[in-house]
C-alpha atoms as a PDB file:
ATOM      1  CA  MET A   1      51.697  14.549   3.198  1.00  0.00           C
ATOM      2  CA  ASP A   2      54.767  15.275   5.311  1.00  0.00           C
ATOM      3  CA  ASP A   3      55.701  11.584   5.172  1.00  0.00           C
ATOM      4  CA  ASP A   4      55.524  11.672   1.361  1.00  0.00           C
ATOM      5  CA  ARG A   5      57.673  14.797   1.280  1.00  0.00           C
ATOM      6  CA  ASP A   6      60.207  13.220   3.620  1.00  0.00           C
ATOM      7  CA  ALA A   7      60.291  10.079   1.461  1.00  0.00           C
ATOM      8  CA  ALA A   8      60.903  12.210  -1.638  1.00  0.00           C
ATOM      9  CA  LEU A   9      63.727  14.088   0.092  1.00  0.00           C
ATOM     10  CA  VAL A  10      65.373  10.803   1.087  1.00  0.00           C
ATOM     11  CA  PHE A  11      64.919   9.444  -2.448  1.00  0.00           C
ATOM     12  CA  TYR A  12      66.446  12.479  -4.177  1.00  0.00           C
ATOM     13  CA  GLY A  13      69.145  12.710  -1.516  1.00  0.00           C
ATOM     14  CA  MET A  14      70.403   9.322  -2.708  1.00  0.00           C
ATOM     15  CA  GLN A  15      71.012  10.886  -6.138  1.00  0.00           C
ATOM     16  CA  PRO A  16      69.097   8.398  -8.292  1.00  0.00           C
ATOM     17  CA  LEU A  17      70.271   7.853 -11.846  1.00  0.00           C
ATOM     18  CA  LEU A  18      68.339   9.303 -14.757  1.00  0.00           C
ATOM     19  CA  PHE A  19      67.228   7.024 -17.571  1.00  0.00           C
ATOM     20  CA  ASP A  20      66.933   8.700 -20.961  1.00  0.00           C
ATOM     21  CA  GLY A  21      65.346   5.891 -22.942  1.00  0.00           C
ATOM     22  CA  THR A  22      68.457   4.550 -24.594  1.00  0.00           C
ATOM     23  CA  ARG A  23      68.050   1.004 -25.819  1.00  0.00           C
ATOM     24  CA  ARG A  24      71.339  -0.181 -24.386  1.00  0.00           C
ATOM     25  CA  THR A  25      70.610  -2.977 -21.933  1.00  0.00           C
ATOM     26  CA  VAL A  26      73.355  -1.875 -19.554  1.00  0.00           C
ATOM     27  CA  SER A  27      71.790   1.551 -19.087  1.00  0.00           C
ATOM     28  CA  LEU A  28      68.306   0.190 -18.423  1.00  0.00           C
ATOM     29  CA  THR A  29      69.600  -2.584 -16.182  1.00  0.00           C
ATOM     30  CA  GLY A  30      71.739  -0.122 -14.233  1.00  0.00           C
ATOM     31  CA  TRP A  31      68.836   2.273 -13.785  1.00  0.00           C
ATOM     32  CA  LEU A  32      66.494  -0.484 -12.584  1.00  0.00           C
ATOM     33  CA  TYR A  33      69.145  -1.756 -10.158  1.00  0.00           C
ATOM     34  CA  ASP A  34      69.688   1.777  -8.843  1.00  0.00           C
ATOM     35  CA  MET A  35      65.955   2.323  -8.277  1.00  0.00           C
ATOM     36  CA  GLU A  36      65.531  -1.017  -6.508  1.00  0.00           C
ATOM     37  CA  SER A  37      68.570  -0.369  -4.316  1.00  0.00           C
ATOM     38  CA  ILE A  38      67.224   3.021  -3.270  1.00  0.00           C
ATOM     39  CA  PHE A  39      63.791   1.555  -2.529  1.00  0.00           C
ATOM     40  CA  ARG A  40      65.351  -1.201  -0.413  1.00  0.00           C
ATOM     41  CA  ILE A  41      67.744   1.042   1.513  1.00  0.00           C
ATOM     42  CA  SER A  42      65.126   3.715   2.186  1.00  0.00           C
ATOM     43  CA  HIS A  43      62.275   1.273   2.919  1.00  0.00           C
ATOM     44  CA  MET A  44      60.240   3.202   0.338  1.00  0.00           C
ATOM     45  CA  GLU A  45      56.496   2.583   0.463  1.00  0.00           C
ATOM     46  CA  ALA A  46      55.250   0.677  -2.573  1.00  0.00           C
ATOM     47  CA  ARG A  47      52.713   3.380  -3.417  1.00  0.00           C
ATOM     48  CA  LEU A  48      55.524   5.937  -3.914  1.00  0.00           C
ATOM     49  CA  GLN A  49      57.965   3.812  -5.899  1.00  0.00           C
ATOM     50  CA  VAL A  50      56.567   4.310  -9.420  1.00  0.00           C
ATOM     51  CA  LEU A  51      55.737   7.941  -8.701  1.00  0.00           C
ATOM     52  CA  LEU A  52      59.309   8.774  -7.679  1.00  0.00           C
ATOM     53  CA  ALA A  53      61.096   6.505 -10.155  1.00  0.00           C
ATOM     54  CA  THR A  54      59.252   7.995 -13.109  1.00  0.00           C
ATOM     55  CA  ARG A  55      60.509  11.427 -12.080  1.00  0.00           C
ATOM     56  CA  CYS A  56      63.946  10.046 -13.016  1.00  0.00           C
ATOM     57  CA  LEU A  57      62.968   9.448 -16.630  1.00  0.00           C
ATOM     58  CA  ALA A  58      64.351  11.895 -19.187  1.00  0.00           C
ATOM     59  CA  VAL A  59      64.152  12.592 -22.918  1.00  0.00           C
ATOM     60  CA  GLU A  60      62.661   9.597 -24.784  1.00  0.00           C
ATOM     61  CA  ALA A  61      61.857   7.679 -21.601  1.00  0.00           C
ATOM     62  CA  ARG A  62      59.894  10.656 -20.220  1.00  0.00           C
ATOM     63  CA  MET A  63      57.991  10.945 -23.521  1.00  0.00           C
ATOM     64  CA  TRP A  64      57.150   7.227 -23.425  1.00  0.00           C
ATOM     65  CA  TRP A  65      55.922   7.435 -19.836  1.00  0.00           C
ATOM     66  CA  THR A  66      53.827  10.542 -20.464  1.00  0.00           C
ATOM     67  CA  THR A  67      52.146   9.274 -23.627  1.00  0.00           C
ATOM     68  CA  ILE A  68      51.967   5.489 -23.201  1.00  0.00           C
ATOM     69  CA  GLY A  69      53.132   4.189 -19.824  1.00  0.00           C
ATOM     70  CA  GLU A  70      51.279   6.357 -17.333  1.00  0.00           C
ATOM     71  CA  PRO A  71      47.868   6.244 -19.071  1.00  0.00           C
ATOM     72  CA  ALA A  72      48.108   2.445 -19.320  1.00  0.00           C
ATOM     73  CA  MET A  73      49.245   1.907 -15.718  1.00  0.00           C
ATOM     74  CA  PRO A  74      47.350   4.176 -13.315  1.00  0.00           C
ATOM     75  CA  GLY A  75      48.096   3.138  -9.755  1.00  0.00           C
ATOM     76  CA  GLU A  76      50.393   0.279 -10.749  1.00  0.00           C
ATOM     77  CA  THR A  77      53.201  -1.013  -8.552  1.00  0.00           C
ATOM     78  CA  TRP A  78      56.929  -1.059  -9.212  1.00  0.00           C
ATOM     79  CA  ALA A  79      56.721  -4.775 -10.045  1.00  0.00           C
ATOM     80  CA  ASP A  80      54.109  -3.961 -12.711  1.00  0.00           C
ATOM     81  CA  PHE A  81      56.281  -1.169 -14.081  1.00  0.00           C
END
């Protein structure tokens, strides 16, 4: 549990971008790049990647994840996301 907490602190300390669900490709591409960069730099465990990245979804993206994405993808990896 402490390792997960430490990983979360490192993740949020890198100030990840929020994605609000806009359909502009640049915003989505930038958000995905940011997440992957943080995962690479921090050596984030695969099992935590989707969990932490989805905490950076806001507005429409958060609604999508809560109602459609998460129920359809329990335990999925970042690559599946």
